[in-house]
PDB file of N, CA and C in Angstrom:
ATOM      1  N   MET A   1     146.142  91.596-165.416  1.00  0.00           N
ATOM      2  CA  MET A   1     146.129  90.529-164.167  1.00  0.00           C
ATOM      3  C   MET A   1     144.952  89.792-164.531  1.00  0.00           C
ATOM      4  N   TYR A   2     144.564  88.436-165.041  1.00  0.00           N
ATOM      5  CA  TYR A   2     143.631  87.836-165.002  1.00  0.00           C
ATOM      6  C   TYR A   2     143.670  86.761-164.209  1.00  0.00           C
ATOM      7  N   THR A   3     142.135  86.426-163.937  1.00  0.00           N
ATOM      8  CA  THR A   3     142.159  85.568-162.518  1.00  0.00           C
ATOM      9  C   THR A   3     140.935  84.043-163.049  1.00  0.00           C
ATOM     10  N   GLN A   4     141.363  83.338-162.937  1.00  0.00           N
ATOM     11  CA  GLN A   4     140.208  82.281-163.293  1.00  0.00           C
ATOM     12  C   GLN A   4     140.039  80.850-162.229  1.00  0.00           C
ATOM     13  N   ASN A   5     138.631  80.550-162.519  1.00  0.00           N
ATOM     14  CA  ASN A   5     137.977  79.654-161.695  1.00  0.00           C
ATOM     15  C   ASN A   5     137.951  78.630-162.541  1.00  0.00           C
ATOM     16  N   THR A   6     138.508  77.325-162.004  1.00  0.00           N
ATOM     17  CA  THR A   6     137.614  76.572-163.271  1.00  0.00           C
ATOM     18  C   THR A   6     138.290  75.038-162.044  1.00  0.00           C
ATOM     19  N   ALA A   7     136.359  74.362-162.457  1.00  0.00           N
ATOM     20  CA  ALA A   7     136.842  73.016-161.622  1.00  0.00           C
ATOM     21  C   ALA A   7     137.165  71.589-162.631  1.00  0.00           C
ATOM     22  N   ARG A   8     138.293  71.476-162.008  1.00  0.00           N
ATOM     23  CA  ARG A   8     139.001  70.459-163.054  1.00  0.00           C
ATOM     24  C   ARG A   8     138.979  68.523-162.126  1.00  0.00           C
ATOM     25  N   HIS A   9     139.395  67.873-162.510  1.00  0.00           N
ATOM     26  CA  HIS A   9     139.634  66.503-161.475  1.00  0.00           C
ATOM     27  C   HIS A   9     141.158  66.978-160.393  1.00  0.00           C
ATOM     28  N   ILE A  10     140.653  66.511-159.104  1.00  0.00           N
ATOM     29  CA  ILE A  10     141.537  66.772-158.532  1.00  0.00           C
ATOM     30  C   ILE A  10     142.421  66.046-158.148  1.00  0.00           C
ATOM     31  N   ASP A  11     142.499  64.959-158.960  1.00  0.00           N
ATOM     32  CA  ASP A  11     144.027  63.936-158.758  1.00  0.00           C
ATOM     33  C   ASP A  11     144.853  64.708-159.967  1.00  0.00           C
ATOM     34  N   GLU A  12     144.411  65.200-161.000  1.00  0.00           N
ATOM     35  CA  GLU A  12     145.438  65.972-161.743  1.00  0.00           C
ATOM     36  C   GLU A  12     146.497  67.047-161.310  1.00  0.00           C
ATOM     37  N   SER A  13     147.986  67.306-161.435  1.00  0.00           N
ATOM     38  CA  SER A  13     148.518  68.083-160.861  1.00  0.00           C
ATOM     39  C   SER A  13     148.425  69.356-161.700  1.00  0.00           C
ATOM     40  N   LEU A  14     148.714  70.769-160.214  1.00  0.00           N
ATOM     41  CA  LEU A  14     148.031  71.746-160.444  1.00  0.00           C
ATOM     42  C   LEU A  14     148.916  72.519-162.280  1.00  0.00           C
ATOM     43  N   LYS A  15     149.876  72.276-162.794  1.00  0.00           N
ATOM     44  CA  LYS A  15     150.800  72.544-163.729  1.00  0.00           C
ATOM     45  C   LYS A  15     150.175  71.908-164.893  1.00  0.00           C
ATOM     46  N   LEU A  16     149.420  70.420-164.787  1.00  0.00           N
ATOM     47  CA  LEU A  16     148.708  70.052-166.278  1.00  0.00           C
ATOM     48  C   LEU A  16     147.861  70.956-166.206  1.00  0.00           C
ATOM     49  N   LYS A  17     146.931  71.163-164.980  1.00  0.00           N
ATOM     50  CA  LYS A  17     145.699  71.828-165.026  1.00  0.00           C
ATOM     51  C   LYS A  17     146.050  73.150-165.782  1.00  0.00           C
ATOM     52  N   VAL A  18     146.954  73.795-165.065  1.00  0.00           N
ATOM     53  CA  VAL A  18     147.494  75.245-165.945  1.00  0.00           C
ATOM     54  C   VAL A  18     147.521  75.093-167.220  1.00  0.00           C
ATOM     55  N   ALA A  19     148.581  73.717-168.020  1.00  0.00           N
ATOM     56  CA  ALA A  19     148.259  74.047-169.169  1.00  0.00           C
ATOM     57  C   ALA A  19     147.585  73.783-169.607  1.00  0.00           C
ATOM     58  N   ARG A  20     146.545  72.843-169.553  1.00  0.00           N
ATOM     59  CA  ARG A  20     145.621  72.256-170.199  1.00  0.00           C
ATOM     60  C   ARG A  20     144.555  73.889-170.178  1.00  0.00           C
ATOM     61  N   ASN A  21     144.375  74.770-168.894  1.00  0.00           N
ATOM     62  CA  ASN A  21     143.764  75.864-169.346  1.00  0.00           C
ATOM     63  C   ASN A  21     144.118  76.821-169.889  1.00  0.00           C
ATOM     64  N   LEU A  22     145.184  77.053-169.911  1.00  0.00           N
ATOM     65  CA  LEU A  22     145.811  78.164-170.837  1.00  0.00           C
ATOM     66  C   LEU A  22     146.456  77.090-172.617  1.00  0.00           C
ATOM     67  N   SER A  23     146.325  76.152-172.876  1.00  0.00           N
ATOM     68  CA  SER A  23     146.418  75.810-174.392  1.00  0.00           C
ATOM     69  C   SER A  23     147.819  75.476-174.313  1.00  0.00           C
ATOM     70  N   LEU A  24     148.674  74.957-173.266  1.00  0.00           N
ATOM     71  CA  LEU A  24     150.233  75.348-173.217  1.00  0.00           C
ATOM     72  C   LEU A  24     150.641  73.807-173.402  1.00  0.00           C
ATOM     73  N   ASP A  25     151.988  73.376-173.550  1.00  0.00           N
ATOM     74  CA  ASP A  25     152.659  72.408-173.308  1.00  0.00           C
ATOM     75  C   ASP A  25     152.877  72.424-171.851  1.00  0.00           C
ATOM     76  N   GLU A  26     153.154  71.042-170.975  1.00  0.00           N
ATOM     77  CA  GLU A  26     153.479  71.298-169.919  1.00  0.00           C
ATOM     78  C   GLU A  26     155.111  71.826-169.656  1.00  0.00           C
ATOM     79  N   SER A  27     155.666  71.717-170.748  1.00  0.00           N
ATOM     80  CA  SER A  27     156.799  71.937-170.194  1.00  0.00           C
ATOM     81  C   SER A  27     157.437  73.268-170.552  1.00  0.00           C
ATOM     82  N   VAL A  28     156.599  74.043-171.155  1.00  0.00           N
ATOM     83  CA  VAL A  28     157.133  75.513-171.038  1.00  0.00           C
ATOM     84  C   VAL A  28     156.730  76.222-170.017  1.00  0.00           C
ATOM     85  N   LEU A  29     155.889  75.260-168.660  1.00  0.00           N
ATOM     86  CA  LEU A  29     156.062  75.922-167.425  1.00  0.00           C
ATOM     87  C   LEU A  29     156.691  75.465-166.691  1.00  0.00           C
ATOM     88  N   HIS A  30     157.151  76.556-165.880  1.00  0.00           N
ATOM     89  CA  HIS A  30     158.440  75.604-164.981  1.00  0.00           C
ATOM     90  C   HIS A  30     157.971  76.410-163.332  1.00  0.00           C
ATOM     91  N   GLU A  31     158.345  75.459-162.592  1.00  0.00           N
ATOM     92  CA  GLU A  31     157.902  76.280-161.444  1.00  0.00           C
ATOM     93  C   GLU A  31     158.780  76.664-160.621  1.00  0.00           C
ATOM     94  N   VAL A  32     158.500  78.082-159.971  1.00  0.00           N
ATOM     95  CA  VAL A  32     159.228  79.000-159.235  1.00  0.00           C
ATOM     96  C   VAL A  32     159.069  79.025-157.632  1.00  0.00           C
ATOM     97  N   ASP A  33     159.884  79.127-157.602  1.00  0.00           N
ATOM     98  CA  ASP A  33     159.589  79.257-155.831  1.00  0.00           C
ATOM     99  C   ASP A  33     158.809  80.765-154.816  1.00  0.00           C
ATOM    100  N   MET A  34     157.911  80.819-154.642  1.00  0.00           N
ATOM    101  CA  MET A  34     157.050  81.888-154.912  1.00  0.00           C
ATOM    102  C   MET A  34     158.082  83.173-153.439  1.00  0.00           C
ATOM    103  N   ASP A  35     159.142  82.259-152.680  1.00  0.00           N
ATOM    104  CA  ASP A  35     159.959  82.860-151.637  1.00  0.00           C
ATOM    105  C   ASP A  35     161.235  83.944-152.791  1.00  0.00           C
ATOM    106  N   ASP A  36     161.198  83.658-153.833  1.00  0.00           N
ATOM    107  CA  ASP A  36     162.431  84.139-154.937  1.00  0.00           C
ATOM    108  C   ASP A  36     161.445  85.054-155.721  1.00  0.00           C
ATOM    109  N   VAL A  37     160.474  85.351-155.347  1.00  0.00           N
ATOM    110  CA  VAL A  37     160.005  86.270-156.408  1.00  0.00           C
ATOM    111  C   VAL A  37     159.307  87.771-155.437  1.00  0.00           C
ATOM    112  N   ILE A  38     159.643  88.691-156.465  1.00  0.00           N
ATOM    113  CA  ILE A  38     158.631  89.970-155.635  1.00  0.00           C
ATOM    114  C   ILE A  38     157.634  90.418-156.627  1.00  0.00           C
ATOM    115  N   LEU A  39     156.294  90.813-156.048  1.00  0.00           N
ATOM    116  CA  LEU A  39     155.373  90.632-156.404  1.00  0.00           C
ATOM    117  C   LEU A  39     155.005  92.835-156.225  1.00  0.00           C
ATOM    118  N   SER A  40     154.189  92.995-157.696  1.00  0.00           N
ATOM    119  CA  SER A  40     154.008  95.139-157.195  1.00  0.00           C
ATOM    120  C   SER A  40     152.450  94.743-156.345  1.00  0.00           C
ATOM    121  N   GLU A  41     152.367  96.141-155.839  1.00  0.00           N
ATOM    122  CA  GLU A  41     151.464  96.076-155.003  1.00  0.00           C
ATOM    123  C   GLU A  41     149.858  95.655-155.827  1.00  0.00           C
ATOM    124  N   GLN A  42     149.806  95.943-157.100  1.00  0.00           N
ATOM    125  CA  GLN A  42     148.697  95.168-157.801  1.00  0.00           C
ATOM    126  C   GLN A  42     148.229  94.100-157.695  1.00  0.00           C
ATOM    127  N   VAL A  43     149.364  93.253-157.930  1.00  0.00           N
ATOM    128  CA  VAL A  43     149.450  91.748-157.633  1.00  0.00           C
ATOM    129  C   VAL A  43     148.949  91.567-156.211  1.00  0.00           C
ATOM    130  N   TRP A  44     149.447  92.134-155.381  1.00  0.00           N
ATOM    131  CA  TRP A  44     149.183  91.320-154.003  1.00  0.00           C
ATOM    132  C   TRP A  44     147.700  92.186-153.908  1.00  0.00           C
ATOM    133  N   LEU A  45     147.278  92.944-154.268  1.00  0.00           N
ATOM    134  CA  LEU A  45     145.804  93.655-154.541  1.00  0.00           C
ATOM    135  C   LEU A  45     145.083  92.293-154.351  1.00  0.00           C
ATOM    136  N   THR A  46     145.209  91.680-155.713  1.00  0.00           N
ATOM    137  CA  THR A  46     144.419  91.121-156.316  1.00  0.00           C
ATOM    138  C   THR A  46     144.368  89.656-155.815  1.00  0.00           C
ATOM    139  N   LEU A  47     145.599  89.240-155.696  1.00  0.00           N
ATOM    140  CA  LEU A  47     145.378  87.952-154.799  1.00  0.00           C
ATOM    141  C   LEU A  47     144.907  88.005-153.737  1.00  0.00           C
ATOM    142  N   GLY A  48     144.520  89.088-152.543  1.00  0.00           N
ATOM    143  CA  GLY A  48     144.076  89.117-151.351  1.00  0.00           C
ATOM    144  C   GLY A  48     142.587  89.265-151.833  1.00  0.00           C
ATOM    145  N   LYS A  49     142.083  89.815-152.954  1.00  0.00           N
ATOM    146  CA  LYS A  49     140.592  89.524-153.478  1.00  0.00           C
ATOM    147  C   LYS A  49     140.294  88.519-153.644  1.00  0.00           C
ATOM    148  N   VAL A  50     141.277  87.553-154.526  1.00  0.00           N
ATOM    149  CA  VAL A  50     140.821  86.302-154.976  1.00  0.00           C
ATOM    150  C   VAL A  50     141.091  84.786-153.570  1.00  0.00           C
ATOM    151  N   ALA A  51     140.991  85.180-152.468  1.00  0.00           N
ATOM    152  CA  ALA A  51     141.782  84.503-151.113  1.00  0.00           C
ATOM    153  C   ALA A  51     140.700  84.809-150.689  1.00  0.00           C
ATOM    154  N   GLY A  52     139.948  86.187-150.956  1.00  0.00           N
ATOM    155  CA  GLY A  52     139.299  86.402-149.623  1.00  0.00           C
ATOM    156  C   GLY A  52     137.653  85.786-150.808  1.00  0.00           C
ATOM    157  N   THR A  53     137.724  85.860-151.537  1.00  0.00           N
ATOM    158  CA  THR A  53     136.631  85.194-152.571  1.00  0.00           C
ATOM    159  C   THR A  53     136.523  83.244-152.287  1.00  0.00           C
ATOM    160  N   ILE A  54     137.509  83.609-151.784  1.00  0.00           N
ATOM    161  CA  ILE A  54     137.679  81.102-152.132  1.00  0.00           C
ATOM    162  C   ILE A  54     137.277  81.335-150.901  1.00  0.00           C
ATOM    163  N   LEU A  55     138.455  81.707-149.564  1.00  0.00           N
ATOM    164  CA  LEU A  55     137.735  81.969-148.056  1.00  0.00           C
ATOM    165  C   LEU A  55     136.133  81.681-147.913  1.00  0.00           C
ATOM    166  N   ILE A  56     135.463  83.132-148.290  1.00  0.00           N
ATOM    167  CA  ILE A  56     133.919  83.299-148.295  1.00  0.00           C
ATOM    168  C   ILE A  56     133.303  82.013-148.911  1.00  0.00           C
ATOM    169  N   ARG A  57     133.726  82.009-150.466  1.00  0.00           N
ATOM    170  CA  ARG A  57     132.919  80.371-150.760  1.00  0.00           C
ATOM    171  C   ARG A  57     133.014  78.998-149.895  1.00  0.00           C
ATOM    172  N   HIS A  58     133.891  78.797-149.156  1.00  0.00           N
ATOM    173  CA  HIS A  58     134.300  77.696-148.284  1.00  0.00           C
ATOM    174  C   HIS A  58     133.807  77.818-146.280  1.00  0.00           C
ATOM    175  N   ILE A  59     133.877  79.088-146.488  1.00  0.00           N
ATOM    176  CA  ILE A  59     133.639  79.517-145.054  1.00  0.00           C
ATOM    177  C   ILE A  59     132.685  80.818-145.403  1.00  0.00           C
ATOM    178  N   PRO A  60     131.308  80.370-145.506  1.00  0.00           N
ATOM    179  CA  PRO A  60     130.236  81.694-145.791  1.00  0.00           C
ATOM    180  C   PRO A  60     130.599  82.939-144.547  1.00  0.00           C
ATOM    181  N   ASP A  61     130.982  82.467-142.975  1.00  0.00           N
ATOM    182  CA  ASP A  61     130.566  83.021-141.663  1.00  0.00           C
ATOM    183  C   ASP A  61     131.957  83.523-141.448  1.00  0.00           C
ATOM    184  N   PRO A  62     132.628  84.729-141.738  1.00  0.00           N
ATOM    185  CA  PRO A  62     133.562  84.867-141.665  1.00  0.00           C
ATOM    186  C   PRO A  62     134.278  85.002-140.182  1.00  0.00           C
ATOM    187  N   SER A  63     133.468  84.705-138.808  1.00  0.00           N
ATOM    188  CA  SER A  63     133.593  84.864-137.866  1.00  0.00           C
ATOM    189  C   SER A  63     134.231  83.321-137.607  1.00  0.00           C
ATOM    190  N   LYS A  64     133.650  82.667-138.491  1.00  0.00           N
ATOM    191  CA  LYS A  64     134.706  80.848-138.145  1.00  0.00           C
ATOM    192  C   LYS A  64     135.816  80.791-139.097  1.00  0.00           C
ATOM    193  N   ILE A  65     136.485  81.575-139.610  1.00  0.00           N
ATOM    194  CA  ILE A  65     137.744  81.532-140.436  1.00  0.00           C
ATOM    195  C   ILE A  65     138.847  81.282-139.361  1.00  0.00           C
ATOM    196  N   PRO A  66     138.862  81.950-138.273  1.00  0.00           N
ATOM    197  CA  PRO A  66     139.687  81.723-137.557  1.00  0.00           C
ATOM    198  C   PRO A  66     139.877  80.082-137.191  1.00  0.00           C
ATOM    199  N   ASP A  67     138.682  79.802-136.766  1.00  0.00           N
ATOM    200  CA  ASP A  67     138.568  78.249-136.016  1.00  0.00           C
ATOM    201  C   ASP A  67     138.904  77.354-137.402  1.00  0.00           C
ATOM    202  N   ALA A  68     138.652  77.276-138.809  1.00  0.00           N
ATOM    203  CA  ALA A  68     138.555  76.376-139.812  1.00  0.00           C
ATOM    204  C   ALA A  68     140.094  77.049-140.574  1.00  0.00           C
ATOM    205  N   ILE A  69     141.202  77.295-140.076  1.00  0.00           N
ATOM    206  CA  ILE A  69     141.977  77.665-140.541  1.00  0.00           C
ATOM    207  C   ILE A  69     142.906  76.863-140.683  1.00  0.00           C
ATOM    208  N   ASP A  70     142.952  75.699-139.763  1.00  0.00           N
ATOM    209  CA  ASP A  70     143.808  74.720-139.880  1.00  0.00           C
ATOM    210  C   ASP A  70     143.375  73.437-141.238  1.00  0.00           C
ATOM    211  N   GLY A  71     142.222  73.357-141.018  1.00  0.00           N
ATOM    212  CA  GLY A  71     141.523  72.699-142.164  1.00  0.00           C
ATOM    213  C   GLY A  71     141.684  73.163-143.434  1.00  0.00           C
ATOM    214  N   ILE A  72     141.687  74.155-143.736  1.00  0.00           N
ATOM    215  CA  ILE A  72     141.768  74.855-144.895  1.00  0.00           C
ATOM    216  C   ILE A  72     143.131  74.894-145.202  1.00  0.00           C
ATOM    217  N   LEU A  73     144.237  74.899-144.408  1.00  0.00           N
ATOM    218  CA  LEU A  73     145.663  75.108-144.929  1.00  0.00           C
ATOM    219  C   LEU A  73     146.063  73.587-145.577  1.00  0.00           C
ATOM    220  N   ASP A  74     145.029  72.933-144.284  1.00  0.00           N
ATOM    221  CA  ASP A  74     145.657  71.107-145.004  1.00  0.00           C
ATOM    222  C   ASP A  74     144.711  70.740-146.472  1.00  0.00           C
ATOM    223  N   ALA A  75     143.723  71.289-146.607  1.00  0.00           N
ATOM    224  CA  ALA A  75     143.178  71.250-147.884  1.00  0.00           C
ATOM    225  C   ALA A  75     144.024  72.285-149.316  1.00  0.00           C
ATOM    226  N   LEU A  76     144.954  72.440-149.029  1.00  0.00           N
ATOM    227  CA  LEU A  76     145.371  74.071-149.906  1.00  0.00           C
ATOM    228  C   LEU A  76     146.762  73.308-150.310  1.00  0.00           C
ATOM    229  N   SER A  77     146.538  73.625-151.913  1.00  0.00           N
ATOM    230  CA  SER A  77     147.795  73.442-152.333  1.00  0.00           C
ATOM    231  C   SER A  77     147.755  74.872-153.595  1.00  0.00           C
ATOM    232  N   GLU A  78     149.087  74.770-153.858  1.00  0.00           N
ATOM    233  CA  GLU A  78     149.345  76.279-153.879  1.00  0.00           C
ATOM    234  C   GLU A  78     150.517  76.049-154.768  1.00  0.00           C
ATOM    235  N   GLU A  79     150.821  76.924-156.283  1.00  0.00           N
ATOM    236  CA  GLU A  79     152.243  76.714-156.998  1.00  0.00           C
ATOM    237  C   GLU A  79     152.461  77.629-158.196  1.00  0.00           C
ATOM    238  N   ALA A  80     153.257  78.144-158.292  1.00  0.00           N
ATOM    239  CA  ALA A  80     153.317  79.193-159.257  1.00  0.00           C
ATOM    240  C   ALA A  80     154.690  78.630-160.472  1.00  0.00           C
ATOM    241  N   TYR A  81     154.572  78.822-161.425  1.00  0.00           N
ATOM    242  CA  TYR A  81     154.768  78.614-162.410  1.00  0.00           C
ATOM    243  C   TYR A  81     155.199  79.903-163.412  1.00  0.00           C
ATOM    244  N   TRP A  82     156.699  80.126-164.354  1.00  0.00           N
ATOM    245  CA  TRP A  82     156.819  80.946-164.890  1.00  0.00           C
ATOM    246  C   TRP A  82     156.346  80.479-166.435  1.00  0.00           C
ATOM    247  N   SER A  83     155.333  81.085-167.103  1.00  0.00           N
ATOM    248  CA  SER A  83     155.387  80.676-168.698  1.00  0.00           C
ATOM    249  C   SER A  83     156.837  81.006-169.396  1.00  0.00           C
ATOM    250  N   GLU A  84     156.807  80.518-170.440  1.00  0.00           N
ATOM    251  CA  GLU A  84     157.951  80.400-171.330  1.00  0.00           C
ATOM    252  C   GLU A  84     157.642  81.509-172.784  1.00  0.00           C
ATOM    253  N   PRO A  85     156.401  80.553-173.068  1.00  0.00           N
ATOM    254  CA  PRO A  85     155.713  82.162-174.310  1.00  0.00           C
ATOM    255  C   PRO A  85     155.621  83.346-173.771  1.00  0.00           C
ATOM    256  N   THR A  86     154.682  83.524-172.209  1.00  0.00           N
ATOM    257  CA  THR A  86     153.869  84.853-172.269  1.00  0.00           C
ATOM    258  C   THR A  86     155.177  85.444-171.413  1.00  0.00           C
ATOM    259  N   ARG A  87     156.088  85.045-170.543  1.00  0.00           N
ATOM    260  CA  ARG A  87     156.584  85.633-169.786  1.00  0.00           C
ATOM    261  C   ARG A  87     155.353  85.622-168.205  1.00  0.00           C
ATOM    262  N   GLU A  88     154.535  85.261-167.858  1.00  0.00           N
ATOM    263  CA  GLU A  88     153.862  85.437-166.986  1.00  0.00           C
ATOM    264  C   GLU A  88     154.036  84.840-165.873  1.00  0.00           C
ATOM    265  N   LEU A  89     153.810  85.112-164.717  1.00  0.00           N
ATOM    266  CA  LEU A  89     153.534  84.152-163.679  1.00  0.00           C
ATOM    267  C   LEU A  89     152.539  83.825-163.254  1.00  0.00           C
ATOM    268  N   ILE A  90     152.528  82.751-163.510  1.00  0.00           N
ATOM    269  CA  ILE A  90     150.856  81.616-163.071  1.00  0.00           C
ATOM    270  C   ILE A  90     151.094  81.427-161.486  1.00  0.00           C
ATOM    271  N   PHE A  91     149.743  82.079-161.025  1.00  0.00           N
ATOM    272  CA  PHE A  91     150.213  81.851-159.734  1.00  0.00           C
ATOM    273  C   PHE A  91     148.497  80.780-159.216  1.00  0.00           C
ATOM    274  N   CYS A  92     148.778  79.593-158.800  1.00  0.00           N
ATOM    275  CA  CYS A  92     147.850  78.902-158.671  1.00  0.00           C
ATOM    276  C   CYS A  92     147.406  78.063-157.211  1.00  0.00           C
ATOM    277  N   ILE A  93     146.183  77.925-157.262  1.00  0.00           N
ATOM    278  CA  ILE A  93     145.839  77.507-155.854  1.00  0.00           C
ATOM    279  C   ILE A  93     144.587  76.676-156.051  1.00  0.00           C
ATOM    280  N   GLU A  94     144.637  75.660-155.377  1.00  0.00           N
ATOM    281  CA  GLU A  94     143.526  74.768-155.735  1.00  0.00           C
ATOM    282  C   GLU A  94     143.021  74.173-153.952  1.00  0.00           C
ATOM    283  N   ILE A  95     141.921  74.134-153.710  1.00  0.00           N
ATOM    284  CA  ILE A  95     141.119  74.244-152.217  1.00  0.00           C
ATOM    285  C   ILE A  95     140.006  73.044-152.225  1.00  0.00           C
ATOM    286  N   TYR A  96     139.542  72.422-151.830  1.00  0.00           N
ATOM    287  CA  TYR A  96     138.717  71.180-151.638  1.00  0.00           C
ATOM    288  C   TYR A  96     137.864  70.720-153.126  1.00  0.00           C
ATOM    289  N   GLY A  97     139.077  70.925-154.012  1.00  0.00           N
ATOM    290  CA  GLY A  97     138.763  70.562-155.085  1.00  0.00           C
ATOM    291  C   GLY A  97     138.892  71.786-156.163  1.00  0.00           C
ATOM    292  N   ASP A  98     138.121  72.785-155.683  1.00  0.00           N
ATOM    293  CA  ASP A  98     138.230  73.944-156.566  1.00  0.00           C
ATOM    294  C   ASP A  98     139.477  74.876-156.753  1.00  0.00           C
ATOM    295  N   PHE A  99     140.052  75.056-158.508  1.00  0.00           N
ATOM    296  CA  PHE A  99     140.882  75.656-158.916  1.00  0.00           C
ATOM    297  C   PHE A  99     140.653  77.064-159.414  1.00  0.00           C
ATOM    298  N   HIS A 100     141.818  77.562-158.536  1.00  0.00           N
ATOM    299  CA  HIS A 100     142.035  78.913-159.393  1.00  0.00           C
ATOM    300  C   HIS A 100     143.122  79.357-159.755  1.00  0.00           C
ATOM    301  N   TYR A 101     143.634  80.250-160.885  1.00  0.00           N
ATOM    302  CA  TYR A 101     144.800  80.294-161.245  1.00  0.00           C
ATOM    303  C   TYR A 101     144.878  81.770-161.463  1.00  0.00           C
ATOM    304  N   VAL A 102     145.485  82.595-161.482  1.00  0.00           N
ATOM    305  CA  VAL A 102     145.786  83.985-161.406  1.00  0.00           C
ATOM    306  C   VAL A 102     147.202  84.371-162.496  1.00  0.00           C
ATOM    307  N   GLN A 103     147.020  84.876-164.003  1.00  0.00           N
ATOM    308  CA  GLN A 103     147.998  85.211-164.805  1.00  0.00           C
ATOM    309  C   GLN A 103     148.699  86.675-164.257  1.00  0.00           C
ATOM    310  N   ILE A 104     149.944  86.801-164.131  1.00  0.00           N
ATOM    311  CA  ILE A 104     150.607  88.149-163.750  1.00  0.00           C
ATOM    312  C   ILE A 104     151.736  88.045-165.167  1.00  0.00           C
ATOM    313  N   PRO A 105     150.914  89.876-165.487  1.00  0.00           N
ATOM    314  CA  PRO A 105     152.086  89.667-166.328  1.00  0.00           C
ATOM    315  C   PRO A 105     153.338  90.450-166.219  1.00  0.00           C
ATOM    316  N   ALA A 106     154.461  89.738-166.865  1.00  0.00           N
ATOM    317  CA  ALA A 106     155.550  89.870-166.618  1.00  0.00           C
ATOM    318  C   ALA A 106     156.326  91.352-166.148  1.00  0.00           C
ATOM    319  N   LYS A 107     155.508  92.518-166.143  1.00  0.00           N
ATOM    320  CA  LYS A 107     155.645  93.514-165.853  1.00  0.00           C
ATOM    321  C   LYS A 107     155.487  93.694-164.095  1.00  0.00           C
ATOM    322  N   HIS A 108     154.992  92.935-163.681  1.00  0.00           N
ATOM    323  CA  HIS A 108     154.079  92.809-162.087  1.00  0.00           C
ATOM    324  C   HIS A 108     155.273  91.789-161.371  1.00  0.00           C
ATOM    325  N   TRP A 109     156.077  91.653-161.790  1.00  0.00           N
ATOM    326  CA  TRP A 109     156.858  90.531-160.928  1.00  0.00           C
ATOM    327  C   TRP A 109     158.516  90.204-161.411  1.00  0.00           C
ATOM    328  N   TYR A 110     158.874  90.245-160.681  1.00  0.00           N
ATOM    329  CA  TYR A 110     160.767  89.792-161.135  1.00  0.00           C
ATOM    330  C   TYR A 110     160.881  88.879-159.984  1.00  0.00           C
ATOM    331  N   MET A 111     162.276  88.122-160.258  1.00  0.00           N
ATOM    332  CA  MET A 111     162.740  87.137-159.349  1.00  0.00           C
ATOM    333  C   MET A 111     163.684  87.970-158.300  1.00  0.00           C
ATOM    334  N   LYS A 112     163.918  87.539-157.044  1.00  0.00           N
ATOM    335  CA  LYS A 112     164.647  88.161-156.267  1.00  0.00           C
ATOM    336  C   LYS A 112     166.574  88.048-156.274  1.00  0.00           C
ATOM    337  N   PRO A 113     166.643  89.106-157.143  1.00  0.00           N
ATOM    338  CA  PRO A 113     168.602  88.942-156.867  1.00  0.00           C
ATOM    339  C   PRO A 113     169.073  87.877-155.833  1.00  0.00           C
ATOM    340  N   HIS A 114     169.704  87.288-155.699  1.00  0.00           N
ATOM    341  CA  HIS A 114     170.682  85.945-155.335  1.00  0.00           C
ATOM    342  C   HIS A 114     171.993  86.496-155.181  1.00  0.00           C
ATOM    343  N   CYS A 115     172.630  86.501-153.712  1.00  0.00           N
ATOM    344  CA  CYS A 115     173.739  86.617-153.815  1.00  0.00           C
ATOM    345  C   CYS A 115     175.035  85.457-153.142  1.00  0.00           C
ATOM    346  N   SER A 116     175.872  85.288-153.852  1.00  0.00           N
ATOM    347  CA  SER A 116     176.583  84.142-153.572  1.00  0.00           C
ATOM    348  C   SER A 116     178.194  84.692-153.309  1.00  0.00           C
ATOM    349  N   HIS A 117     178.395  84.258-151.945  1.00  0.00           N
ATOM    350  CA  HIS A 117     179.550  84.387-151.951  1.00  0.00           C
ATOM    351  C   HIS A 117     180.979  83.280-152.021  1.00  0.00           C
TER     352      HIS A 117
END
């Protein structure tokens, strides 16, 4: 798993930022609803560390996190994309202009099966 933090202009879409950072064309990135994805335990641990790092950067005193959580959620943008060429899931988050993404290898995620009647 690879994580990346990069500051870019906030008006760019997260998809465009991911494409530029990974030197990919936007057309090979497909948005994925995270409610439809199952992640490995290792991925959850990595995402937890990334979230902790982001929170500490924006709220250095952990005791203030509960008071600030509404403001954080209002400033938060998150999206996930499936990369055609690499088959990775790319989870990206931006908060207060601070852009991060985590590249999740294909073996660490899959789409939930959907039932239809």
